[in-house]
Amino acid sequence: KRDILVNALNESRLEILPCEGTYFLLVDYSAVSTLDDVEFCQWLTQEHGVAAIPLSVFCADPFPHKLIRLCFAKKESTLLAAAERLRQL
């Protein structure tokens, strides 16, 4: 399922970072928005119906990077629908 989502996002402006042994993709969205990761995830959910997890919630110190996590433990149809929305960003 990871490969399904990665391949579906290949033509997006998002940068997929390498991941192994997890069911999350780590994604750099800096080419898409200047919002911080918490604001970006809220916007993404409210405006595009795609839920993501801001990486900063796992860090004690301020985290300036524009990184989010996307879970790919979903049905293929859900992954493809989310990827279609993300490609439009």
PDB file of N, CA and C in Angstrom:
ATOM      1  N   LYS A   1       0.821  -1.199   0.000  1.00  0.00           N
ATOM      2  CA  LYS A   1       0.000   0.000   0.000  1.00  0.00           C
ATOM      3  C   LYS A   1       0.863   1.260   0.000  1.00  0.00           C
ATOM      4  N   ARG A   2       2.032   1.145   0.613  1.00  0.00           N
ATOM      5  CA  ARG A   2       2.951   2.285   0.576  1.00  0.00           C
ATOM      6  C   ARG A   2       3.256   2.661  -0.861  1.00  0.00           C
ATOM      7  N   ASP A   3       3.571   1.660  -1.671  1.00  0.00           N
ATOM      8  CA  ASP A   3       3.934   1.919  -3.062  1.00  0.00           C
ATOM      9  C   ASP A   3       2.771   2.511  -3.850  1.00  0.00           C
ATOM     10  N   ILE A   4       1.564   2.099  -3.538  1.00  0.00           N
ATOM     11  CA  ILE A   4       0.383   2.656  -4.208  1.00  0.00           C
ATOM     12  C   ILE A   4       0.323   4.161  -3.963  1.00  0.00           C
ATOM     13  N   LEU A   5       0.476   4.560  -2.698  1.00  0.00           N
ATOM     14  CA  LEU A   5       0.393   5.986  -2.376  1.00  0.00           C
ATOM     15  C   LEU A   5       1.592   6.754  -2.930  1.00  0.00           C
ATOM     16  N   VAL A   6       2.781   6.198  -2.790  1.00  0.00           N
ATOM     17  CA  VAL A   6       3.981   6.869  -3.318  1.00  0.00           C
ATOM     18  C   VAL A   6       3.851   7.079  -4.818  1.00  0.00           C
ATOM     19  N   ASN A   7       3.473   6.038  -5.540  1.00  0.00           N
ATOM     20  CA  ASN A   7       3.333   6.152  -6.998  1.00  0.00           C
ATOM     21  C   ASN A   7       2.248   7.147  -7.378  1.00  0.00           C
ATOM     22  N   ALA A   8       1.164   7.175  -6.620  1.00  0.00           N
ATOM     23  CA  ALA A   8       0.072   8.099  -6.918  1.00  0.00           C
ATOM     24  C   ALA A   8       0.464   9.552  -6.641  1.00  0.00           C
ATOM     25  N   LEU A   9       1.448   9.758  -5.767  1.00  0.00           N
ATOM     26  CA  LEU A   9       1.887  11.121  -5.438  1.00  0.00           C
ATOM     27  C   LEU A   9       3.106  11.567  -6.233  1.00  0.00           C
ATOM     28  N   ASN A  10       3.626  10.716  -7.082  1.00  0.00           N
ATOM     29  CA  ASN A  10       4.831  11.052  -7.845  1.00  0.00           C
ATOM     30  C   ASN A  10       4.700  12.343  -8.637  1.00  0.00           C
ATOM     31  N   GLU A  11       3.530  12.648  -9.125  1.00  0.00           N
ATOM     32  CA  GLU A  11       3.336  13.849  -9.943  1.00  0.00           C
ATOM     33  C   GLU A  11       2.825  15.033  -9.127  1.00  0.00           C
ATOM     34  N   SER A  12       2.952  14.948  -7.813  1.00  0.00           N
ATOM     35  CA  SER A  12       2.528  16.065  -6.969  1.00  0.00           C
ATOM     36  C   SER A  12       3.729  16.955  -6.657  1.00  0.00           C
ATOM     37  N   ARG A  13       3.463  18.058  -5.995  1.00  0.00           N
ATOM     38  CA  ARG A  13       4.545  18.957  -5.565  1.00  0.00           C
ATOM     39  C   ARG A  13       5.076  18.571  -4.188  1.00  0.00           C
ATOM     40  N   LEU A  14       4.546  17.509  -3.622  1.00  0.00           N
ATOM     41  CA  LEU A  14       5.000  17.026  -2.322  1.00  0.00           C
ATOM     42  C   LEU A  14       6.249  16.179  -2.497  1.00  0.00           C
ATOM     43  N   GLU A  15       7.158  16.267  -1.533  1.00  0.00           N
ATOM     44  CA  GLU A  15       8.360  15.435  -1.571  1.00  0.00           C
ATOM     45  C   GLU A  15       8.190  14.291  -0.578  1.00  0.00           C
ATOM     46  N   ILE A  16       8.194  13.072  -1.087  1.00  0.00           N
ATOM     47  CA  ILE A  16       8.056  11.888  -0.249  1.00  0.00           C
ATOM     48  C   ILE A  16       9.447  11.484   0.236  1.00  0.00           C
ATOM     49  N   LEU A  17       9.615  11.395   1.543  1.00  0.00           N
ATOM     50  CA  LEU A  17      10.895  10.990   2.111  1.00  0.00           C
ATOM     51  C   LEU A  17      10.914   9.473   2.295  1.00  0.00           C
ATOM     52  N   PRO A  18      12.075   8.855   2.194  1.00  0.00           N
ATOM     53  CA  PRO A  18      12.153   7.393   2.313  1.00  0.00           C
ATOM     54  C   PRO A  18      11.615   6.903   3.658  1.00  0.00           C
ATOM     55  N   CYS A  19      10.913   5.781   3.619  1.00  0.00           N
ATOM     56  CA  CYS A  19      10.412   5.181   4.854  1.00  0.00           C
ATOM     57  C   CYS A  19      10.451   3.662   4.727  1.00  0.00           C
ATOM     58  N   GLU A  20      10.756   3.019   5.824  1.00  0.00           N
ATOM     59  CA  GLU A  20      10.760   1.560   5.877  1.00  0.00           C
ATOM     60  C   GLU A  20      10.212   1.132   7.229  1.00  0.00           C
ATOM     61  N   GLY A  21       9.512   0.027   7.261  1.00  0.00           N
ATOM     62  CA  GLY A  21       9.062  -0.544   8.521  1.00  0.00           C
ATOM     63  C   GLY A  21       8.007   0.265   9.245  1.00  0.00           C
ATOM     64  N   THR A  22       7.193   0.972   8.531  1.00  0.00           N
ATOM     65  CA  THR A  22       6.138   1.781   9.136  1.00  0.00           C
ATOM     66  C   THR A  22       4.954   1.828   8.183  1.00  0.00           C
ATOM     67  N   TYR A  23       3.835   2.298   8.660  1.00  0.00           N
ATOM     68  CA  TYR A  23       2.682   2.483   7.783  1.00  0.00           C
ATOM     69  C   TYR A  23       2.350   3.968   7.617  1.00  0.00           C
ATOM     70  N   PHE A  24       3.387   4.793   7.718  1.00  0.00           N
ATOM     71  CA  PHE A  24       3.271   6.228   7.482  1.00  0.00           C
ATOM     72  C   PHE A  24       4.284   6.673   6.440  1.00  0.00           C
ATOM     73  N   LEU A  25       3.868   7.603   5.590  1.00  0.00           N
ATOM     74  CA  LEU A  25       4.809   8.296   4.711  1.00  0.00           C
ATOM     75  C   LEU A  25       5.178   9.610   5.378  1.00  0.00           C
ATOM     76  N   LEU A  26       6.432   9.960   5.313  1.00  0.00           N
ATOM     77  CA  LEU A  26       6.888  11.265   5.768  1.00  0.00           C
ATOM     78  C   LEU A  26       6.962  12.159   4.538  1.00  0.00           C
ATOM     79  N   VAL A  27       6.280  13.301   4.602  1.00  0.00           N
ATOM     80  CA  VAL A  27       6.098  14.151   3.431  1.00  0.00           C
ATOM     81  C   VAL A  27       6.539  15.583   3.737  1.00  0.00           C
ATOM     82  N   ASP A  28       7.356  16.131   2.853  1.00  0.00           N
ATOM     83  CA  ASP A  28       7.767  17.535   2.922  1.00  0.00           C
ATOM     84  C   ASP A  28       6.812  18.329   2.027  1.00  0.00           C
ATOM     85  N   TYR A  29       6.077  19.262   2.615  1.00  0.00           N
ATOM     86  CA  TYR A  29       5.088  20.044   1.861  1.00  0.00           C
ATOM     87  C   TYR A  29       5.565  21.475   1.594  1.00  0.00           C
ATOM     88  N   SER A  30       6.845  21.758   1.789  1.00  0.00           N
ATOM     89  CA  SER A  30       7.346  23.134   1.690  1.00  0.00           C
ATOM     90  C   SER A  30       7.132  23.762   0.314  1.00  0.00           C
ATOM     91  N   ALA A  31       6.989  22.972  -0.729  1.00  0.00           N
ATOM     92  CA  ALA A  31       6.733  23.520  -2.067  1.00  0.00           C
ATOM     93  C   ALA A  31       5.269  23.915  -2.247  1.00  0.00           C
ATOM     94  N   VAL A  32       4.441  23.561  -1.274  1.00  0.00           N
ATOM     95  CA  VAL A  32       2.997  23.779  -1.393  1.00  0.00           C
ATOM     96  C   VAL A  32       2.507  24.928  -0.513  1.00  0.00           C
ATOM     97  N   SER A  33       3.105  25.098   0.675  1.00  0.00           N
ATOM     98  CA  SER A  33       2.564  26.052   1.639  1.00  0.00           C
ATOM     99  C   SER A  33       3.648  26.590   2.571  1.00  0.00           C
ATOM    100  N   THR A  34       3.392  27.782   3.107  1.00  0.00           N
ATOM    101  CA  THR A  34       4.272  28.359   4.123  1.00  0.00           C
ATOM    102  C   THR A  34       3.696  28.190   5.527  1.00  0.00           C
ATOM    103  N   LEU A  35       2.528  27.589   5.647  1.00  0.00           N
ATOM    104  CA  LEU A  35       1.924  27.351   6.961  1.00  0.00           C
ATOM    105  C   LEU A  35       2.801  26.417   7.781  1.00  0.00           C
ATOM    106  N   ASP A  36       2.740  26.551   9.124  1.00  0.00           N
ATOM    107  CA  ASP A  36       3.445  25.562   9.938  1.00  0.00           C
ATOM    108  C   ASP A  36       2.696  24.235   9.833  1.00  0.00           C
ATOM    109  N   ASP A  37       3.290  23.167  10.314  1.00  0.00           N
ATOM    110  CA  ASP A  37       2.726  21.840  10.063  1.00  0.00           C
ATOM    111  C   ASP A  37       1.365  21.623  10.711  1.00  0.00           C
ATOM    112  N   VAL A  38       1.140  22.182  11.897  1.00  0.00           N
ATOM    113  CA  VAL A  38      -0.166  22.030  12.549  1.00  0.00           C
ATOM    114  C   VAL A  38      -1.240  22.760  11.743  1.00  0.00           C
ATOM    115  N   GLU A  39      -0.959  23.999  11.362  1.00  0.00           N
ATOM    116  CA  GLU A  39      -1.913  24.772  10.558  1.00  0.00           C
ATOM    117  C   GLU A  39      -2.150  24.108   9.201  1.00  0.00           C
ATOM    118  N   PHE A  40      -1.083  23.595   8.602  1.00  0.00           N
ATOM    119  CA  PHE A  40      -1.218  22.941   7.303  1.00  0.00           C
ATOM    120  C   PHE A  40      -2.116  21.712   7.412  1.00  0.00           C
ATOM    121  N   CYS A  41      -1.934  20.910   8.451  1.00  0.00           N
ATOM    122  CA  CYS A  41      -2.767  19.714   8.619  1.00  0.00           C
ATOM    123  C   CYS A  41      -4.230  20.084   8.850  1.00  0.00           C
ATOM    124  N   GLN A  42      -4.471  21.134   9.617  1.00  0.00           N
ATOM    125  CA  GLN A  42      -5.849  21.594   9.819  1.00  0.00           C
ATOM    126  C   GLN A  42      -6.457  22.054   8.499  1.00  0.00           C
ATOM    127  N   TRP A  43      -5.713  22.845   7.748  1.00  0.00           N
ATOM    128  CA  TRP A  43      -6.176  23.335   6.446  1.00  0.00           C
ATOM    129  C   TRP A  43      -6.434  22.173   5.490  1.00  0.00           C
ATOM    130  N   LEU A  44      -5.510  21.224   5.457  1.00  0.00           N
ATOM    131  CA  LEU A  44      -5.628  20.078   4.561  1.00  0.00           C
ATOM    132  C   LEU A  44      -6.891  19.274   4.869  1.00  0.00           C
ATOM    133  N   THR A  45      -7.179  19.088   6.140  1.00  0.00           N
ATOM    134  CA  THR A  45      -8.374  18.345   6.541  1.00  0.00           C
ATOM    135  C   THR A  45      -9.643  19.129   6.223  1.00  0.00           C
ATOM    136  N   GLN A  46      -9.669  20.403   6.591  1.00  0.00           N
ATOM    137  CA  GLN A  46     -10.874  21.215   6.419  1.00  0.00           C
ATOM    138  C   GLN A  46     -11.167  21.544   4.963  1.00  0.00           C
ATOM    139  N   GLU A  47     -10.150  21.857   4.193  1.00  0.00           N
ATOM    140  CA  GLU A  47     -10.352  22.312   2.818  1.00  0.00           C
ATOM    141  C   GLU A  47     -10.280  21.204   1.772  1.00  0.00           C
ATOM    142  N   HIS A  48      -9.579  20.120   2.079  1.00  0.00           N
ATOM    143  CA  HIS A  48      -9.373  19.079   1.067  1.00  0.00           C
ATOM    144  C   HIS A  48      -9.799  17.690   1.522  1.00  0.00           C
ATOM    145  N   GLY A  49     -10.219  17.550   2.770  1.00  0.00           N
ATOM    146  CA  GLY A  49     -10.712  16.268   3.263  1.00  0.00           C
ATOM    147  C   GLY A  49      -9.653  15.187   3.387  1.00  0.00           C
ATOM    148  N   VAL A  50      -8.392  15.596   3.558  1.00  0.00           N
ATOM    149  CA  VAL A  50      -7.294  14.640   3.733  1.00  0.00           C
ATOM    150  C   VAL A  50      -6.680  14.894   5.106  1.00  0.00           C
ATOM    151  N   ALA A  51      -6.679  13.869   5.950  1.00  0.00           N
ATOM    152  CA  ALA A  51      -6.115  13.996   7.293  1.00  0.00           C
ATOM    153  C   ALA A  51      -4.639  13.631   7.282  1.00  0.00           C
ATOM    154  N   ALA A  52      -3.843  14.431   7.963  1.00  0.00           N
ATOM    155  CA  ALA A  52      -2.405  14.187   8.097  1.00  0.00           C
ATOM    156  C   ALA A  52      -2.008  14.513   9.533  1.00  0.00           C
ATOM    157  N   ILE A  53      -0.833  14.051   9.914  1.00  0.00           N
ATOM    158  CA  ILE A  53      -0.333  14.260  11.268  1.00  0.00           C
ATOM    159  C   ILE A  53       0.884  15.184  11.195  1.00  0.00           C
ATOM    160  N   PRO A  54       0.846  16.319  11.913  1.00  0.00           N
ATOM    161  CA  PRO A  54       2.011  17.210  11.908  1.00  0.00           C
ATOM    162  C   PRO A  54       3.161  16.557  12.677  1.00  0.00           C
ATOM    163  N   LEU A  55       4.333  16.559  12.111  1.00  0.00           N
ATOM    164  CA  LEU A  55       5.473  15.900  12.749  1.00  0.00           C
ATOM    165  C   LEU A  55       5.905  16.615  14.026  1.00  0.00           C
ATOM    166  N   SER A  56       5.638  17.905  14.123  1.00  0.00           N
ATOM    167  CA  SER A  56       6.088  18.671  15.289  1.00  0.00           C
ATOM    168  C   SER A  56       5.475  18.181  16.593  1.00  0.00           C
ATOM    169  N   VAL A  57       4.339  17.506  16.551  1.00  0.00           N
ATOM    170  CA  VAL A  57       3.718  17.032  17.791  1.00  0.00           C
ATOM    171  C   VAL A  57       4.558  15.956  18.471  1.00  0.00           C
ATOM    172  N   PHE A  58       5.531  15.409  17.767  1.00  0.00           N
ATOM    173  CA  PHE A  58       6.405  14.389  18.331  1.00  0.00           C
ATOM    174  C   PHE A  58       7.726  14.966  18.835  1.00  0.00           C
ATOM    175  N   CYS A  59       7.889  16.290  18.767  1.00  0.00           N
ATOM    176  CA  CYS A  59       9.156  16.933  19.126  1.00  0.00           C
ATOM    177  C   CYS A  59       8.958  17.879  20.308  1.00  0.00           C
ATOM    178  N   ALA A  60       9.920  17.892  21.217  1.00  0.00           N
ATOM    179  CA  ALA A  60       9.839  18.782  22.374  1.00  0.00           C
ATOM    180  C   ALA A  60      10.243  20.209  22.018  1.00  0.00           C
ATOM    181  N   ASP A  61      11.220  20.350  21.151  1.00  0.00           N
ATOM    182  CA  ASP A  61      11.722  21.667  20.763  1.00  0.00           C
ATOM    183  C   ASP A  61      10.945  22.197  19.567  1.00  0.00           C
ATOM    184  N   PRO A  62      10.997  23.507  19.339  1.00  0.00           N
ATOM    185  CA  PRO A  62      10.364  24.050  18.128  1.00  0.00           C
ATOM    186  C   PRO A  62      10.871  23.308  16.892  1.00  0.00           C
ATOM    187  N   PHE A  63       9.963  23.031  16.010  1.00  0.00           N
ATOM    188  CA  PHE A  63      10.269  22.200  14.843  1.00  0.00           C
ATOM    189  C   PHE A  63       9.909  22.976  13.587  1.00  0.00           C
ATOM    190  N   PRO A  64      10.888  23.624  12.939  1.00  0.00           N
ATOM    191  CA  PRO A  64      10.588  24.513  11.817  1.00  0.00           C
ATOM    192  C   PRO A  64      10.357  23.818  10.479  1.00  0.00           C
ATOM    193  N   HIS A  65      10.590  22.519  10.414  1.00  0.00           N
ATOM    194  CA  HIS A  65      10.480  21.824   9.136  1.00  0.00           C
ATOM    195  C   HIS A  65       9.023  21.646   8.723  1.00  0.00           C
ATOM    196  N   LYS A  66       8.794  21.618   7.446  1.00  0.00           N
ATOM    197  CA  LYS A  66       7.446  21.472   6.894  1.00  0.00           C
ATOM    198  C   LYS A  66       7.220  19.999   6.560  1.00  0.00           C
ATOM    199  N   LEU A  67       7.043  19.195   7.628  1.00  0.00           N
ATOM    200  CA  LEU A  67       6.893  17.753   7.456  1.00  0.00           C
ATOM    201  C   LEU A  67       5.607  17.261   8.103  1.00  0.00           C
ATOM    202  N   ILE A  68       4.938  16.356   7.391  1.00  0.00           N
ATOM    203  CA  ILE A  68       3.727  15.722   7.900  1.00  0.00           C
ATOM    204  C   ILE A  68       3.821  14.220   7.669  1.00  0.00           C
ATOM    205  N   ARG A  69       2.955  13.491   8.362  1.00  0.00           N
ATOM    206  CA  ARG A  69       2.871  12.046   8.158  1.00  0.00           C
ATOM    207  C   ARG A  69       1.513  11.720   7.551  1.00  0.00           C
ATOM    208  N   LEU A  70       1.534  10.840   6.562  1.00  0.00           N
ATOM    209  CA  LEU A  70       0.314  10.321   5.951  1.00  0.00           C
ATOM    210  C   LEU A  70       0.265   8.824   6.211  1.00  0.00           C
ATOM    211  N   CYS A  71      -0.842   8.338   6.725  1.00  0.00           N
ATOM    212  CA  CYS A  71      -1.001   6.911   6.998  1.00  0.00           C
ATOM    213  C   CYS A  71      -1.472   6.210   5.729  1.00  0.00           C
ATOM    214  N   PHE A  72      -0.800   5.111   5.373  1.00  0.00           N
ATOM    215  CA  PHE A  72      -1.240   4.358   4.197  1.00  0.00           C
ATOM    216  C   PHE A  72      -1.874   3.025   4.579  1.00  0.00           C
ATOM    217  N   ALA A  73      -2.270   2.866   5.839  1.00  0.00           N
ATOM    218  CA  ALA A  73      -2.996   1.669   6.274  1.00  0.00           C
ATOM    219  C   ALA A  73      -4.490   1.898   6.021  1.00  0.00           C
ATOM    220  N   LYS A  74      -4.820   2.076   4.771  1.00  0.00           N
ATOM    221  CA  LYS A  74      -6.183   2.390   4.328  1.00  0.00           C
ATOM    222  C   LYS A  74      -6.520   1.537   3.120  1.00  0.00           C
ATOM    223  N   LYS A  75      -7.802   1.543   2.740  1.00  0.00           N
ATOM    224  CA  LYS A  75      -8.204   0.850   1.513  1.00  0.00           C
ATOM    225  C   LYS A  75      -7.558   1.536   0.313  1.00  0.00           C
ATOM    226  N   GLU A  76      -7.293   0.758  -0.723  1.00  0.00           N
ATOM    227  CA  GLU A  76      -6.666   1.318  -1.924  1.00  0.00           C
ATOM    228  C   GLU A  76      -7.488   2.470  -2.489  1.00  0.00           C
ATOM    229  N   SER A  77      -8.796   2.339  -2.487  1.00  0.00           N
ATOM    230  CA  SER A  77      -9.647   3.402  -3.029  1.00  0.00           C
ATOM    231  C   SER A  77      -9.499   4.697  -2.225  1.00  0.00           C
ATOM    232  N   THR A  78      -9.329   4.577  -0.924  1.00  0.00           N
ATOM    233  CA  THR A  78      -9.126   5.750  -0.069  1.00  0.00           C
ATOM    234  C   THR A  78      -7.787   6.410  -0.371  1.00  0.00           C
ATOM    235  N   LEU A  79      -6.747   5.593  -0.535  1.00  0.00           N
ATOM    236  CA  LEU A  79      -5.417   6.122  -0.855  1.00  0.00           C
ATOM    237  C   LEU A  79      -5.419   6.862  -2.184  1.00  0.00           C
ATOM    238  N   LEU A  80      -6.067   6.279  -3.178  1.00  0.00           N
ATOM    239  CA  LEU A  80      -6.096   6.905  -4.502  1.00  0.00           C
ATOM    240  C   LEU A  80      -6.902   8.199  -4.491  1.00  0.00           C
ATOM    241  N   ALA A  81      -7.999   8.221  -3.739  1.00  0.00           N
ATOM    242  CA  ALA A  81      -8.799   9.446  -3.635  1.00  0.00           C
ATOM    243  C   ALA A  81      -8.006  10.545  -2.930  1.00  0.00           C
ATOM    244  N   ALA A  82      -7.300  10.192  -1.858  1.00  0.00           N
ATOM    245  CA  ALA A  82      -6.479  11.177  -1.148  1.00  0.00           C
ATOM    246  C   ALA A  82      -5.358  11.686  -2.043  1.00  0.00           C
ATOM    247  N   ALA A  83      -4.723  10.788  -2.773  1.00  0.00           N
ATOM    248  CA  ALA A  83      -3.627  11.187  -3.663  1.00  0.00           C
ATOM    249  C   ALA A  83      -4.119  12.142  -4.742  1.00  0.00           C
ATOM    250  N   GLU A  84      -5.300  11.903  -5.257  1.00  0.00           N
ATOM    251  CA  GLU A  84      -5.859  12.800  -6.277  1.00  0.00           C
ATOM    252  C   GLU A  84      -6.024  14.204  -5.701  1.00  0.00           C
ATOM    253  N   ARG A  85      -6.520  14.304  -4.481  1.00  0.00           N
ATOM    254  CA  ARG A  85      -6.685  15.610  -3.840  1.00  0.00           C
ATOM    255  C   ARG A  85      -5.336  16.270  -3.573  1.00  0.00           C
ATOM    256  N   LEU A  86      -4.371  15.480  -3.141  1.00  0.00           N
ATOM    257  CA  LEU A  86      -3.039  16.023  -2.839  1.00  0.00           C
ATOM    258  C   LEU A  86      -2.302  16.471  -4.094  1.00  0.00           C
ATOM    259  N   ARG A  87      -2.537  15.814  -5.198  1.00  0.00           N
ATOM    260  CA  ARG A  87      -1.887  16.226  -6.459  1.00  0.00           C
ATOM    261  C   ARG A  87      -2.382  17.591  -6.919  1.00  0.00           C
ATOM    262  N   GLN A  88      -3.554  17.993  -6.481  1.00  0.00           N
ATOM    263  CA  GLN A  88      -4.123  19.277  -6.891  1.00  0.00           C
ATOM    264  C   GLN A  88      -3.602  20.455  -6.062  1.00  0.00           C
ATOM    265  N   LEU A  89      -2.816  20.180  -5.032  1.00  0.00           N
ATOM    266  CA  LEU A  89      -2.284  21.264  -4.188  1.00  0.00           C
ATOM    267  C   LEU A  89      -1.239  22.058  -4.945  1.00  0.00           C
TER     268      LEU A  89
END
